[in-house]
Amino acid sequence: MPDDNTTKFVSMPHQPVMVSEVLAYLGVTPGKTYVDGTLGAGGHANAILEQLEGSGQLIGADQDPVALALARTRLEEYADQCVFLQTNFSMLVDELSRQHLLPITGGILLDLGVSSMQLDEAERGFSFRQAAPLDMRMDACNPLTAKEVLNTYAEKELVRIFSEYGEERLSKTLAREIVALRKTTPFETTQDLADFVERTYHKTLGKPAKRSRTHPATKVFQAIRIAVNDELGHLERFLESLPTLLAPGARVVVLSFHSLEDRIVKNAFRDYRMVDVPVLNVLTKKPVTPGEVEIDMNPRSRSTKLRAAERIKY
């Protein structure tokens, strides 16, 4: 039976992005095994299972136990075809090897976006739109929180995080002001951080932060979230394990949501293609993006980029 946290989200609408494109590039075929390495609410997994038509297997992995429990409930009718793993996708190669589930014959999907379920759960601290503790952990077992990053990291390290992970133009100014302010007023909530960024933009640029679809704190929140969860490190470790994970002919599809992730995926696919004995055949010369209809229906899909590759058969 789902616990209270799971029950809270069972009826919550959650729109998986680019479902038809994901299914097409995975080449879902009955009888094969597929992995959803970022299971979330189970939207993509449900679509894959429908395509399998009762023949084949879906392995769903997520580091968030609440998401995993929700997906179990959503996919209950396919229970005999599913294996659920509570793990980060960077550890898939170890978990699947332990359970003698390698190599994967069909394909692997990663959706690198923060799910709407996590964004809308105020206490997780991912969003500046709701006041909440500065947490931002995708895995509650992770000891590092956004509050610790903001209140203890050196100015130089904050500059690096904001510039590399957020591509924030005021990285140096924000880092300097954070270090000065926290001496007397430590950062406690998402509202503290969002208001601080807005004030700093106003003071630095000489005018209020321009009101638009994008809040001035967006890049700072993204950067801190990436740092707290080591998101790019996990992605790099996953990509390094692809030759072991994929059987010949199996595919990998990655949905990314900002340029840093997309660049890492693009370069990894290229490197696997350029070695003396190529490992992957790249299926997407350029990233595939959602159409206007999907963007209108699900604005969070706007920045999605899909890249896909296939393990070469020899």
C-alpha atoms as a PDB file:
ATOM      1  CA  MET A   1       0.000   0.000   0.000  1.00  0.00           C
ATOM      2  CA  PRO A   2       1.404   3.457  -0.891  1.00  0.00           C
ATOM      3  CA  ASP A   3       2.365   5.679   2.037  1.00  0.00           C
ATOM      4  CA  ASP A   4       0.957   9.160   2.677  1.00  0.00           C
ATOM      5  CA  ASN A   5       3.581  10.891   0.530  1.00  0.00           C
ATOM      6  CA  THR A   6       2.832   8.603  -2.403  1.00  0.00           C
ATOM      7  CA  THR A   7      -0.932   8.932  -2.039  1.00  0.00           C
ATOM      8  CA  LYS A   8      -0.580  12.711  -2.187  1.00  0.00           C
ATOM      9  CA  PHE A   9       0.749  12.447  -5.747  1.00  0.00           C
ATOM     10  CA  VAL A  10      -1.226   9.545  -7.238  1.00  0.00           C
ATOM     11  CA  SER A  11      -3.782  11.819  -8.879  1.00  0.00           C
ATOM     12  CA  MET A  12      -1.300  14.555  -9.710  1.00  0.00           C
ATOM     13  CA  PRO A  13      -1.027  15.168 -13.470  1.00  0.00           C
ATOM     14  CA  HIS A  14       2.492  14.615 -14.716  1.00  0.00           C
ATOM     15  CA  GLN A  15       3.285  15.034 -18.386  1.00  0.00           C
ATOM     16  CA  PRO A  16       6.245  13.063 -19.706  1.00  0.00           C
ATOM     17  CA  VAL A  17       7.964  14.974 -22.502  1.00  0.00           C
ATOM     18  CA  MET A  18       8.423  13.926 -26.138  1.00  0.00           C
ATOM     19  CA  VAL A  19       6.827  10.509 -25.632  1.00  0.00           C
ATOM     20  CA  SER A  20       6.359   9.661 -29.313  1.00  0.00           C
ATOM     21  CA  GLU A  21       9.946  10.689 -30.104  1.00  0.00           C
ATOM     22  CA  VAL A  22      11.288   8.644 -27.180  1.00  0.00           C
ATOM     23  CA  LEU A  23       9.437   5.530 -28.349  1.00  0.00           C
ATOM     24  CA  ALA A  24      10.597   6.022 -31.929  1.00  0.00           C
ATOM     25  CA  TYR A  25      14.272   6.485 -31.071  1.00  0.00           C
ATOM     26  CA  LEU A  26      14.238   3.621 -28.564  1.00  0.00           C
ATOM     27  CA  GLY A  27      12.703   1.472 -31.278  1.00  0.00           C
ATOM     28  CA  VAL A  28      10.581  -0.311 -28.684  1.00  0.00           C
ATOM     29  CA  THR A  29      10.186  -3.954 -29.729  1.00  0.00           C
ATOM     30  CA  PRO A  30       8.140  -6.641 -27.916  1.00  0.00           C
ATOM     31  CA  GLY A  31      10.257  -9.273 -26.219  1.00  0.00           C
ATOM     32  CA  LYS A  32      13.179  -6.990 -25.379  1.00  0.00           C
ATOM     33  CA  THR A  33      14.272  -5.377 -22.112  1.00  0.00           C
ATOM     34  CA  TYR A  34      14.197  -1.608 -21.590  1.00  0.00           C
ATOM     35  CA  VAL A  35      15.417   0.561 -18.739  1.00  0.00           C
ATOM     36  CA  ASP A  36      13.922   3.848 -17.590  1.00  0.00           C
ATOM     37  CA  GLY A  37      16.809   5.158 -15.515  1.00  0.00           C
ATOM     38  CA  THR A  38      14.859   8.174 -14.264  1.00  0.00           C
ATOM     39  CA  LEU A  39      11.495   6.566 -13.574  1.00  0.00           C
ATOM     40  CA  GLY A  40       9.802   9.510 -11.874  1.00  0.00           C
ATOM     41  CA  ALA A  41       6.018   9.180 -11.994  1.00  0.00           C
ATOM     42  CA  GLY A  42       6.286   6.428 -14.612  1.00  0.00           C
ATOM     43  CA  GLY A  43       4.934   8.297 -17.631  1.00  0.00           C
ATOM     44  CA  HIS A  44       7.592   7.204 -20.124  1.00  0.00           C
ATOM     45  CA  ALA A  45       7.691   3.717 -18.586  1.00  0.00           C
ATOM     46  CA  ASN A  46       3.945   3.333 -19.056  1.00  0.00           C
ATOM     47  CA  ALA A  47       4.266   4.247 -22.742  1.00  0.00           C
ATOM     48  CA  ILE A  48       7.112   1.748 -23.218  1.00  0.00           C
ATOM     49  CA  LEU A  49       5.117  -1.031 -21.534  1.00  0.00           C
ATOM     50  CA  GLU A  50       2.123  -0.344 -23.773  1.00  0.00           C
ATOM     51  CA  GLN A  51       4.379  -0.767 -26.809  1.00  0.00           C
ATOM     52  CA  LEU A  52       5.792  -4.042 -25.449  1.00  0.00           C
ATOM     53  CA  GLU A  53       2.301  -5.557 -25.729  1.00  0.00           C
ATOM     54  CA  GLY A  54       2.779  -7.963 -22.832  1.00  0.00           C
ATOM     55  CA  SER A  55       6.090  -9.355 -24.071  1.00  0.00           C
ATOM     56  CA  GLY A  56       9.342  -7.976 -22.688  1.00  0.00           C
ATOM     57  CA  GLN A  57      10.585  -6.314 -19.529  1.00  0.00           C
ATOM     58  CA  LEU A  58      10.816  -2.804 -18.101  1.00  0.00           C
ATOM     59  CA  ILE A  59      13.409  -1.998 -15.446  1.00  0.00           C
ATOM     60  CA  GLY A  60      12.570   1.241 -13.665  1.00  0.00           C
ATOM     61  CA  ALA A  61      15.150   3.021 -11.533  1.00  0.00           C
ATOM     62  CA  ASP A  62      14.897   6.156  -9.417  1.00  0.00           C
ATOM     63  CA  GLN A  63      16.834   7.427  -6.415  1.00  0.00           C
ATOM     64  CA  ASP A  64      13.694   9.025  -4.956  1.00  0.00           C
ATOM     65  CA  PRO A  65      11.700   6.459  -2.910  1.00  0.00           C
ATOM     66  CA  VAL A  66       8.510   8.530  -3.164  1.00  0.00           C
ATOM     67  CA  ALA A  67       8.712   8.595  -6.964  1.00  0.00           C
ATOM     68  CA  LEU A  68       9.489   4.886  -7.044  1.00  0.00           C
ATOM     69  CA  ALA A  69       6.449   4.057  -4.907  1.00  0.00           C
ATOM     70  CA  LEU A  70       4.242   6.248  -7.088  1.00  0.00           C
ATOM     71  CA  ALA A  71       5.491   4.540 -10.245  1.00  0.00           C
ATOM     72  CA  ARG A  72       4.839   1.100  -8.730  1.00  0.00           C
ATOM     73  CA  THR A  73       1.226   2.123  -8.161  1.00  0.00           C
ATOM     74  CA  ARG A  74       0.824   3.608 -11.626  1.00  0.00           C
ATOM     75  CA  LEU A  75       2.337   0.568 -13.355  1.00  0.00           C
ATOM     76  CA  GLU A  76       0.569  -2.026 -11.217  1.00  0.00           C
ATOM     77  CA  GLU A  77      -1.181  -3.644 -14.189  1.00  0.00           C
ATOM     78  CA  TYR A  78       2.258  -4.419 -15.672  1.00  0.00           C
ATOM     79  CA  ALA A  79       3.748  -5.693 -12.395  1.00  0.00           C
ATOM     80  CA  ASP A  80       4.814  -9.050 -13.847  1.00  0.00           C
ATOM     81  CA  GLN A  81       6.895  -7.254 -16.503  1.00  0.00           C
ATOM     82  CA  CYS A  82       8.582  -4.750 -14.173  1.00  0.00           C
ATOM     83  CA  VAL A  83      11.670  -4.646 -11.994  1.00  0.00           C
ATOM     84  CA  PHE A  84      12.053  -1.606  -9.715  1.00  0.00           C
ATOM     85  CA  LEU A  85      15.395  -0.363  -8.401  1.00  0.00           C
ATOM     86  CA  GLN A  86      16.033   2.462  -5.939  1.00  0.00           C
ATOM     87  CA  THR A  87      19.295   3.809  -7.293  1.00  0.00           C
ATOM     88  CA  ASN A  88      20.813   6.674  -9.213  1.00  0.00           C
ATOM     89  CA  PHE A  89      21.219   5.979 -12.921  1.00  0.00           C
ATOM     90  CA  SER A  90      24.985   6.346 -12.570  1.00  0.00           C
ATOM     91  CA  MET A  91      24.923   3.122 -10.517  1.00  0.00           C
ATOM     92  CA  LEU A  92      22.811   1.142 -12.987  1.00  0.00           C
ATOM     93  CA  VAL A  93      25.740  -0.875 -14.276  1.00  0.00           C
ATOM     94  CA  ASP A  94      26.491  -2.139 -10.754  1.00  0.00           C
ATOM     95  CA  GLU A  95      22.874  -2.810  -9.779  1.00  0.00           C
ATOM     96  CA  LEU A  96      21.996  -4.579 -13.030  1.00  0.00           C
ATOM     97  CA  SER A  97      25.176  -6.640 -12.924  1.00  0.00           C
ATOM     98  CA  ARG A  98      24.379  -7.738  -9.350  1.00  0.00           C
ATOM     99  CA  GLN A  99      20.970  -8.940 -10.484  1.00  0.00           C
ATOM    100  CA  HIS A 100      22.316 -10.606 -13.646  1.00  0.00           C
ATOM    101  CA  LEU A 101      20.248  -8.310 -15.881  1.00  0.00           C
ATOM    102  CA  LEU A 102      23.018  -7.262 -18.274  1.00  0.00           C
ATOM    103  CA  PRO A 103      23.337  -6.503 -21.082  1.00  0.00           C
ATOM    104  CA  ILE A 104      20.154  -4.579 -21.897  1.00  0.00           C
ATOM    105  CA  THR A 105      18.729  -5.858 -25.176  1.00  0.00           C
ATOM    106  CA  GLY A 106      16.299  -3.069 -26.029  1.00  0.00           C
ATOM    107  CA  GLY A 107      17.416   0.307 -24.762  1.00  0.00           C
ATOM    108  CA  ILE A 108      17.877   2.770 -21.926  1.00  0.00           C
ATOM    109  CA  LEU A 109      16.109   6.098 -21.374  1.00  0.00           C
ATOM    110  CA  LEU A 110      17.278   8.988 -19.225  1.00  0.00           C
ATOM    111  CA  ASP A 111      15.064  12.023 -18.640  1.00  0.00           C
ATOM    112  CA  LEU A 112      17.372  14.489 -16.879  1.00  0.00           C
ATOM    113  CA  GLY A 113      14.707  17.023 -15.970  1.00  0.00           C
ATOM    114  CA  VAL A 114      13.508  17.628 -12.436  1.00  0.00           C
ATOM    115  CA  SER A 115      10.005  16.182 -12.407  1.00  0.00           C
ATOM    116  CA  SER A 116       7.024  18.457 -11.918  1.00  0.00           C
ATOM    117  CA  MET A 117       6.225  16.329  -8.866  1.00  0.00           C
ATOM    118  CA  GLN A 118       9.514  17.360  -7.238  1.00  0.00           C
ATOM    119  CA  LEU A 119       9.227  20.979  -8.357  1.00  0.00           C
ATOM    120  CA  ASP A 120       5.708  21.291  -7.013  1.00  0.00           C
ATOM    121  CA  GLU A 121       6.515  19.685  -3.642  1.00  0.00           C
ATOM    122  CA  ALA A 122       7.435  22.844  -1.748  1.00  0.00           C
ATOM    123  CA  GLU A 123       9.387  21.174   1.053  1.00  0.00           C
ATOM    124  CA  ARG A 124      11.940  19.800  -1.428  1.00  0.00           C
ATOM    125  CA  GLY A 125      13.187  23.346  -2.008  1.00  0.00           C
ATOM    126  CA  PHE A 126      13.677  23.091  -5.771  1.00  0.00           C
ATOM    127  CA  SER A 127      11.501  26.060  -6.683  1.00  0.00           C
ATOM    128  CA  PHE A 128      11.737  29.757  -5.859  1.00  0.00           C
ATOM    129  CA  ARG A 129       7.985  30.085  -6.400  1.00  0.00           C
ATOM    130  CA  GLN A 130       7.199  28.651  -2.957  1.00  0.00           C
ATOM    131  CA  ALA A 131       8.878  29.403   0.370  1.00  0.00           C
ATOM    132  CA  ALA A 132      10.640  26.290   1.649  1.00  0.00           C
ATOM    133  CA  PRO A 133      13.830  25.168   3.389  1.00  0.00           C
ATOM    134  CA  LEU A 134      16.930  25.323   1.182  1.00  0.00           C
ATOM    135  CA  ASP A 135      17.200  21.600   0.506  1.00  0.00           C
ATOM    136  CA  MET A 136      17.255  20.675  -3.233  1.00  0.00           C
ATOM    137  CA  ARG A 137      18.281  17.059  -2.616  1.00  0.00           C
ATOM    138  CA  MET A 138      16.895  14.483  -5.035  1.00  0.00           C
ATOM    139  CA  ASP A 139      18.132  11.744  -2.706  1.00  0.00           C
ATOM    140  CA  ALA A 140      17.252  12.339   0.958  1.00  0.00           C
ATOM    141  CA  CYS A 141      20.282  10.245   1.979  1.00  0.00           C
ATOM    142  CA  ASN A 142      22.587  12.843   0.443  1.00  0.00           C
ATOM    143  CA  PRO A 143      24.077  14.827   3.362  1.00  0.00           C
ATOM    144  CA  LEU A 144      24.705  17.964   1.277  1.00  0.00           C
ATOM    145  CA  THR A 145      21.918  20.571   1.052  1.00  0.00           C
ATOM    146  CA  ALA A 146      21.552  23.880  -0.750  1.00  0.00           C
ATOM    147  CA  LYS A 147      21.662  25.618   2.633  1.00  0.00           C
ATOM    148  CA  GLU A 148      25.120  24.203   3.313  1.00  0.00           C
ATOM    149  CA  VAL A 149      26.388  25.233  -0.125  1.00  0.00           C
ATOM    150  CA  LEU A 150      25.208  28.818   0.318  1.00  0.00           C
ATOM    151  CA  ASN A 151      26.324  29.258   3.910  1.00  0.00           C
ATOM    152  CA  THR A 152      29.679  27.443   3.934  1.00  0.00           C
ATOM    153  CA  TYR A 153      31.224  27.279   0.456  1.00  0.00           C
ATOM    154  CA  ALA A 154      34.111  29.627  -0.316  1.00  0.00           C
ATOM    155  CA  GLU A 155      33.478  32.597  -2.588  1.00  0.00           C
ATOM    156  CA  LYS A 156      35.694  31.142  -5.324  1.00  0.00           C
ATOM    157  CA  GLU A 157      33.742  27.872  -5.311  1.00  0.00           C
ATOM    158  CA  LEU A 158      30.406  29.711  -5.465  1.00  0.00           C
ATOM    159  CA  VAL A 159      31.660  31.662  -8.483  1.00  0.00           C
ATOM    160  CA  ARG A 160      32.578  28.388 -10.184  1.00  0.00           C
ATOM    161  CA  ILE A 161      29.205  26.803  -9.432  1.00  0.00           C
ATOM    162  CA  PHE A 162      27.204  29.807 -10.661  1.00  0.00           C
ATOM    163  CA  SER A 163      29.270  30.307 -13.816  1.00  0.00           C
ATOM    164  CA  GLU A 164      29.789  26.665 -14.828  1.00  0.00           C
ATOM    165  CA  TYR A 165      26.477  25.140 -13.791  1.00  0.00           C
ATOM    166  CA  GLY A 166      24.193  28.135 -14.235  1.00  0.00           C
ATOM    167  CA  GLU A 167      26.017  30.196 -16.861  1.00  0.00           C
ATOM    168  CA  GLU A 168      25.043  33.123 -14.625  1.00  0.00           C
ATOM    169  CA  ARG A 169      26.358  36.506 -15.805  1.00  0.00           C
ATOM    170  CA  LEU A 170      26.544  37.969 -12.281  1.00  0.00           C
ATOM    171  CA  SER A 171      28.404  34.978 -10.804  1.00  0.00           C
ATOM    172  CA  LYS A 172      31.190  36.994  -9.180  1.00  0.00           C
ATOM    173  CA  THR A 173      28.882  39.670  -7.809  1.00  0.00           C
ATOM    174  CA  LEU A 174      26.397  37.162  -6.410  1.00  0.00           C
ATOM    175  CA  ALA A 175      29.129  35.067  -4.770  1.00  0.00           C
ATOM    176  CA  ARG A 176      30.749  38.119  -3.176  1.00  0.00           C
ATOM    177  CA  GLU A 177      27.427  39.407  -1.831  1.00  0.00           C
ATOM    178  CA  ILE A 178      26.429  35.971  -0.512  1.00  0.00           C
ATOM    179  CA  VAL A 179      29.643  35.642   1.495  1.00  0.00           C
ATOM    180  CA  ALA A 180      29.191  39.144   2.922  1.00  0.00           C
ATOM    181  CA  LEU A 181      25.511  38.701   3.819  1.00  0.00           C
ATOM    182  CA  ARG A 182      25.747  35.252   5.396  1.00  0.00           C
ATOM    183  CA  LYS A 183      28.126  36.548   8.097  1.00  0.00           C
ATOM    184  CA  THR A 184      25.165  38.222   9.767  1.00  0.00           C
ATOM    185  CA  THR A 185      22.138  36.683   8.048  1.00  0.00           C
ATOM    186  CA  PRO A 186      22.506  33.052   6.951  1.00  0.00           C
ATOM    187  CA  PHE A 187      20.334  31.818   4.100  1.00  0.00           C
ATOM    188  CA  GLU A 188      17.503  29.614   5.386  1.00  0.00           C
ATOM    189  CA  THR A 189      14.730  29.447   2.766  1.00  0.00           C
ATOM    190  CA  THR A 190      14.198  29.478  -0.971  1.00  0.00           C
ATOM    191  CA  GLN A 191      12.508  32.849  -0.539  1.00  0.00           C
ATOM    192  CA  ASP A 192      15.663  34.229   1.098  1.00  0.00           C
ATOM    193  CA  LEU A 193      17.702  33.215  -1.938  1.00  0.00           C
ATOM    194  CA  ALA A 194      15.192  34.321  -4.573  1.00  0.00           C
ATOM    195  CA  ASP A 195      14.735  37.741  -2.944  1.00  0.00           C
ATOM    196  CA  PHE A 196      18.498  38.143  -2.564  1.00  0.00           C
ATOM    197  CA  VAL A 197      19.135  37.448  -6.265  1.00  0.00           C
ATOM    198  CA  GLU A 198      16.406  39.870  -7.282  1.00  0.00           C
ATOM    199  CA  ARG A 199      17.811  42.613  -5.022  1.00  0.00           C
ATOM    200  CA  THR A 200      21.338  42.019  -6.317  1.00  0.00           C
ATOM    201  CA  TYR A 201      20.202  42.296  -9.927  1.00  0.00           C
ATOM    202  CA  HIS A 202      18.423  45.560  -9.063  1.00  0.00           C
ATOM    203  CA  LYS A 203      21.444  46.998  -7.243  1.00  0.00           C
ATOM    204  CA  THR A 204      23.982  45.880  -9.864  1.00  0.00           C
ATOM    205  CA  LEU A 205      22.053  46.798 -12.989  1.00  0.00           C
ATOM    206  CA  GLY A 206      20.496  49.950 -11.549  1.00  0.00           C
ATOM    207  CA  LYS A 207      16.927  48.859 -12.193  1.00  0.00           C
ATOM    208  CA  PRO A 208      14.488  46.232 -10.950  1.00  0.00           C
ATOM    209  CA  ALA A 209      14.984  42.768 -12.414  1.00  0.00           C
ATOM    210  CA  LYS A 210      12.885  42.620 -15.564  1.00  0.00           C
ATOM    211  CA  ARG A 211       9.700  40.664 -15.052  1.00  0.00           C
ATOM    212  CA  SER A 212       9.465  37.959 -17.673  1.00  0.00           C
ATOM    213  CA  ARG A 213       8.764  34.285 -18.001  1.00  0.00           C
ATOM    214  CA  THR A 214      12.220  33.645 -16.503  1.00  0.00           C
ATOM    215  CA  HIS A 215      12.823  34.708 -12.893  1.00  0.00           C
ATOM    216  CA  PRO A 216      16.305  36.224 -12.288  1.00  0.00           C
ATOM    217  CA  ALA A 217      17.015  33.475  -9.742  1.00  0.00           C
ATOM    218  CA  THR A 218      16.399  30.648 -12.229  1.00  0.00           C
ATOM    219  CA  LYS A 219      20.042  30.080 -13.150  1.00  0.00           C
ATOM    220  CA  VAL A 220      21.242  30.318  -9.555  1.00  0.00           C
ATOM    221  CA  PHE A 221      18.717  27.711  -8.411  1.00  0.00           C
ATOM    222  CA  GLN A 222      19.715  25.463 -11.310  1.00  0.00           C
ATOM    223  CA  ALA A 223      23.402  25.809 -10.487  1.00  0.00           C
ATOM    224  CA  ILE A 224      22.976  25.011  -6.795  1.00  0.00           C
ATOM    225  CA  ARG A 225      20.711  22.043  -7.557  1.00  0.00           C
ATOM    226  CA  ILE A 226      23.318  20.619  -9.945  1.00  0.00           C
ATOM    227  CA  ALA A 227      26.045  21.054  -7.331  1.00  0.00           C
ATOM    228  CA  VAL A 228      24.026  19.520  -4.490  1.00  0.00           C
ATOM    229  CA  ASN A 229      23.129  16.440  -6.522  1.00  0.00           C
ATOM    230  CA  ASP A 230      26.369  16.098  -8.527  1.00  0.00           C
ATOM    231  CA  GLU A 231      24.148  15.855 -11.595  1.00  0.00           C
ATOM    232  CA  LEU A 232      26.868  16.231 -14.209  1.00  0.00           C
ATOM    233  CA  GLY A 233      29.120  13.743 -12.441  1.00  0.00           C
ATOM    234  CA  HIS A 234      26.338  11.155 -12.395  1.00  0.00           C
ATOM    235  CA  LEU A 235      25.675  11.736 -16.096  1.00  0.00           C
ATOM    236  CA  GLU A 236      29.343  11.319 -16.996  1.00  0.00           C
ATOM    237  CA  ARG A 237      29.595   8.083 -15.004  1.00  0.00           C
ATOM    238  CA  PHE A 238      26.475   6.707 -16.696  1.00  0.00           C
ATOM    239  CA  LEU A 239      27.819   7.513 -20.158  1.00  0.00           C
ATOM    240  CA  GLU A 240      31.134   5.831 -19.319  1.00  0.00           C
ATOM    241  CA  SER A 241      29.241   2.615 -18.524  1.00  0.00           C
ATOM    242  CA  LEU A 242      27.299   2.422 -21.822  1.00  0.00           C
ATOM    243  CA  PRO A 243      29.538  -0.210 -23.483  1.00  0.00           C
ATOM    244  CA  THR A 244      28.804  -2.559 -20.574  1.00  0.00           C
ATOM    245  CA  LEU A 245      25.118  -1.689 -20.269  1.00  0.00           C
ATOM    246  CA  LEU A 246      24.044  -2.074 -23.897  1.00  0.00           C
ATOM    247  CA  ALA A 247      23.850  -5.242 -25.957  1.00  0.00           C
ATOM    248  CA  PRO A 248      24.710  -4.869 -29.676  1.00  0.00           C
ATOM    249  CA  GLY A 249      21.769  -3.167 -31.379  1.00  0.00           C
ATOM    250  CA  ALA A 250      20.395  -1.716 -28.131  1.00  0.00           C
ATOM    251  CA  ARG A 251      19.816   2.028 -27.940  1.00  0.00           C
ATOM    252  CA  VAL A 252      20.225   4.874 -25.493  1.00  0.00           C
ATOM    253  CA  VAL A 253      18.004   7.970 -25.476  1.00  0.00           C
ATOM    254  CA  VAL A 254      18.806  10.992 -23.304  1.00  0.00           C
ATOM    255  CA  LEU A 255      16.498  13.952 -22.701  1.00  0.00           C
ATOM    256  CA  SER A 256      18.444  16.955 -21.421  1.00  0.00           C
ATOM    257  CA  PHE A 257      17.240  20.380 -20.355  1.00  0.00           C
ATOM    258  CA  HIS A 258      20.220  22.707 -20.433  1.00  0.00           C
ATOM    259  CA  SER A 259      23.341  23.189 -22.509  1.00  0.00           C
ATOM    260  CA  LEU A 260      25.767  21.637 -20.015  1.00  0.00           C
ATOM    261  CA  GLU A 261      23.981  18.279 -20.028  1.00  0.00           C
ATOM    262  CA  ASP A 262      23.470  18.335 -23.778  1.00  0.00           C
ATOM    263  CA  ARG A 263      27.147  19.091 -24.397  1.00  0.00           C
ATOM    264  CA  ILE A 264      28.257  16.185 -22.204  1.00  0.00           C
ATOM    265  CA  VAL A 265      25.938  13.762 -24.025  1.00  0.00           C
ATOM    266  CA  LYS A 266      26.918  15.077 -27.454  1.00  0.00           C
ATOM    267  CA  ASN A 267      30.647  14.766 -26.726  1.00  0.00           C
ATOM    268  CA  ALA A 268      30.324  11.276 -25.232  1.00  0.00           C
ATOM    269  CA  PHE A 269      28.390   9.985 -28.244  1.00  0.00           C
ATOM    270  CA  ARG A 270      30.970  11.565 -30.567  1.00  0.00           C
ATOM    271  CA  ASP A 271      33.876  10.025 -28.667  1.00  0.00           C
ATOM    272  CA  TYR A 272      32.323   6.555 -28.819  1.00  0.00           C
ATOM    273  CA  ARG A 273      31.937   6.972 -32.576  1.00  0.00           C
ATOM    274  CA  MET A 274      35.477   8.278 -33.193  1.00  0.00           C
ATOM    275  CA  VAL A 275      37.528   5.541 -31.481  1.00  0.00           C
ATOM    276  CA  ASP A 276      39.439   2.950 -33.547  1.00  0.00           C
ATOM    277  CA  VAL A 277      36.649   0.418 -33.040  1.00  0.00           C
ATOM    278  CA  PRO A 278      33.464   2.539 -32.864  1.00  0.00           C
ATOM    279  CA  VAL A 279      31.066   1.658 -30.052  1.00  0.00           C
ATOM    280  CA  LEU A 280      28.011   3.762 -30.880  1.00  0.00           C
ATOM    281  CA  ASN A 281      26.236   4.862 -34.011  1.00  0.00           C
ATOM    282  CA  VAL A 282      24.739   8.308 -33.371  1.00  0.00           C
ATOM    283  CA  LEU A 283      21.096   8.463 -34.482  1.00  0.00           C
ATOM    284  CA  THR A 284      20.620  12.213 -33.991  1.00  0.00           C
ATOM    285  CA  LYS A 285      23.017  14.470 -35.900  1.00  0.00           C
ATOM    286  CA  LYS A 286      21.374  17.408 -34.135  1.00  0.00           C
ATOM    287  CA  PRO A 287      19.282  17.302 -30.972  1.00  0.00           C
ATOM    288  CA  VAL A 288      15.583  16.674 -31.510  1.00  0.00           C
ATOM    289  CA  THR A 289      13.318  19.236 -29.847  1.00  0.00           C
ATOM    290  CA  PRO A 290       9.592  19.238 -29.011  1.00  0.00           C
ATOM    291  CA  GLY A 291       7.061  20.638 -31.432  1.00  0.00           C
ATOM    292  CA  GLU A 292       5.016  23.774 -30.874  1.00  0.00           C
ATOM    293  CA  VAL A 293       1.890  21.837 -29.908  1.00  0.00           C
ATOM    294  CA  GLU A 294       3.702  20.013 -27.096  1.00  0.00           C
ATOM    295  CA  ILE A 295       5.330  23.223 -25.869  1.00  0.00           C
ATOM    296  CA  ASP A 296       1.912  24.897 -25.726  1.00  0.00           C
ATOM    297  CA  MET A 297       0.458  21.956 -23.783  1.00  0.00           C
ATOM    298  CA  ASN A 298       3.485  21.494 -21.514  1.00  0.00           C
ATOM    299  CA  PRO A 299       5.621  24.662 -21.228  1.00  0.00           C
ATOM    300  CA  ARG A 300       8.224  22.784 -19.152  1.00  0.00           C
ATOM    301  CA  SER A 301       9.150  20.841 -22.290  1.00  0.00           C
ATOM    302  CA  ARG A 302      10.371  24.003 -24.031  1.00  0.00           C
ATOM    303  CA  SER A 303      14.089  23.471 -23.386  1.00  0.00           C
ATOM    304  CA  THR A 304      14.142  19.696 -23.964  1.00  0.00           C
ATOM    305  CA  LYS A 305      16.775  18.215 -26.272  1.00  0.00           C
ATOM    306  CA  LEU A 306      16.762  14.555 -27.258  1.00  0.00           C
ATOM    307  CA  ARG A 307      19.861  12.683 -28.385  1.00  0.00           C
ATOM    308  CA  ALA A 308      20.001   8.988 -29.256  1.00  0.00           C
ATOM    309  CA  ALA A 309      22.593   6.398 -30.203  1.00  0.00           C
ATOM    310  CA  GLU A 310      22.752   2.668 -30.940  1.00  0.00           C
ATOM    311  CA  ARG A 311      25.329   0.100 -29.827  1.00  0.00           C
ATOM    312  CA  ILE A 312      27.080  -1.055 -32.981  1.00  0.00           C
ATOM    313  CA  LYS A 313      26.774  -4.713 -33.990  1.00  0.00           C
ATOM    314  CA  TYR A 314      29.942  -6.547 -35.069  1.00  0.00           C
END
